[in-house]
Protein backbone atom coordinates (compact mmCIF):
# COMPACT_ATOMS: atom_id res chain seq x y z
CA MET A 1 135.39 125.06 -4.64
CA GLU A 2 133.61 125.64 -8.06
CA ILE A 3 135.74 127.58 -10.53
CA LYS A 4 133.73 128.77 -13.96
CA VAL A 5 135.61 130.47 -16.91
CA LEU A 6 133.14 132.20 -18.70
CA GLY A 7 133.83 133.46 -22.62
CA PRO A 8 132.19 132.21 -25.79
CA GLY A 9 135.20 130.00 -27.12
CA CYS A 10 137.46 132.08 -28.42
CA PRO A 11 141.11 131.67 -28.19
CA LYS A 12 141.56 133.65 -25.20
CA CYS A 13 139.12 132.17 -23.16
CA LYS A 14 140.60 128.79 -24.10
CA LYS A 15 144.23 129.82 -22.80
CA MET A 16 142.35 131.11 -19.42
CA GLU A 17 140.40 127.99 -18.95
CA GLU A 18 143.76 126.06 -19.58
CA SER A 19 145.65 128.38 -17.31
CA VAL A 20 142.90 127.77 -14.39
CA ARG A 21 143.70 124.04 -14.77
CA ILE A 22 147.07 124.49 -14.30
CA ALA A 23 147.01 126.78 -11.00
CA VAL A 24 144.41 124.42 -9.53
CA LYS A 25 146.94 121.31 -10.05
CA MET A 26 149.74 123.47 -9.02
CA LEU A 27 148.17 124.34 -5.69
CA GLY A 28 147.15 120.73 -5.10
CA ILE A 29 143.32 121.42 -4.63
CA ASP A 30 139.93 119.63 -5.23
CA ALA A 31 137.82 122.33 -7.60
CA ALA A 32 135.32 121.64 -10.33
CA ILE A 33 136.54 123.59 -13.29
CA THR A 34 133.98 124.44 -15.95
CA LYS A 35 133.42 126.54 -19.02
CA VAL A 36 130.69 128.70 -19.60
CA ASP A 37 130.08 129.82 -23.06
CA ILE A 38 126.34 130.68 -23.37
CA ILE A 39 126.29 134.54 -23.69
CA ASN A 40 122.93 134.48 -21.62
CA ASP A 41 124.81 132.69 -18.84
CA ILE A 42 127.69 135.00 -19.22
CA LEU A 43 125.70 138.00 -19.06
CA HIS A 44 123.84 136.35 -15.67
CA TYR A 45 127.22 137.34 -13.97
CA GLY A 46 127.11 140.95 -15.12
CA VAL A 47 130.13 140.25 -17.05
CA MET A 48 130.59 142.30 -20.28
CA SER A 49 134.38 141.41 -21.33
CA THR A 50 135.78 138.01 -21.84
CA PRO A 51 137.52 135.90 -20.50
CA ALA A 52 136.33 136.07 -16.89
CA LEU A 53 136.90 134.15 -13.54
CA VAL A 54 134.09 133.02 -11.41
CA ILE A 55 134.93 131.54 -7.97
CA ASP A 56 132.20 130.03 -5.58
CA GLU A 57 129.70 132.44 -7.57
CA LYS A 58 131.79 135.39 -7.49
CA VAL A 59 133.33 137.36 -10.16
CA VAL A 60 137.04 137.68 -9.52
CA HIS A 61 138.72 138.39 -12.77
CA SER A 62 137.37 139.68 -16.39
CA GLY A 63 138.30 141.45 -19.56
CA ARG A 64 141.99 139.66 -20.32
CA ILE A 65 143.69 136.58 -19.80
CA ALA A 66 144.87 135.95 -16.31
CA GLY A 67 148.34 134.11 -15.83
CA LYS A 68 149.02 131.15 -13.91
CA LYS A 69 150.30 132.83 -10.70
CA GLU A 70 147.70 135.72 -11.06
CA ILE A 71 144.82 133.25 -10.99
CA MET A 72 146.59 131.12 -8.03
CA LYS A 73 146.43 134.59 -6.00
CA LEU A 74 142.55 134.97 -7.04
CA ILE A 75 141.92 131.40 -6.12
CA THR A 76 144.02 131.30 -2.70
CA PRO A 77 141.44 133.40 -0.57
CA PHE A 78 138.74 130.44 -1.43
CA ILE A 79 140.93 127.75 -0.40
CA ASP A 80 139.79 125.98 3.10
CA ASN A 81 140.61 122.65 4.39
CA LYS A 82 137.92 120.61 2.36
CA ASN A 83 139.54 121.85 -0.70
CA GLN A 84 142.71 120.43 0.06
CA LYS A 85 143.96 117.38 -1.47
CA ILE A 86 145.25 114.46 0.93
């Protein structure tokens, strides 16, 4: 699973990235988490308001910080057996 946090580096975007990392750990899954902070790369996703969350190249959230529980709910539909840690 690939998770991207989109945002130019503002405090809200950093908080969102931190919450994503905690949520992934709480779910016990393997995921590559990256921070996308180049404006042209963010615009590629059609996101006009950050922070935003992209899972497996699908924008699932944008415009505000999502809490850990909300992030876990957003990630869950993308989990399959290959993402589970053994």
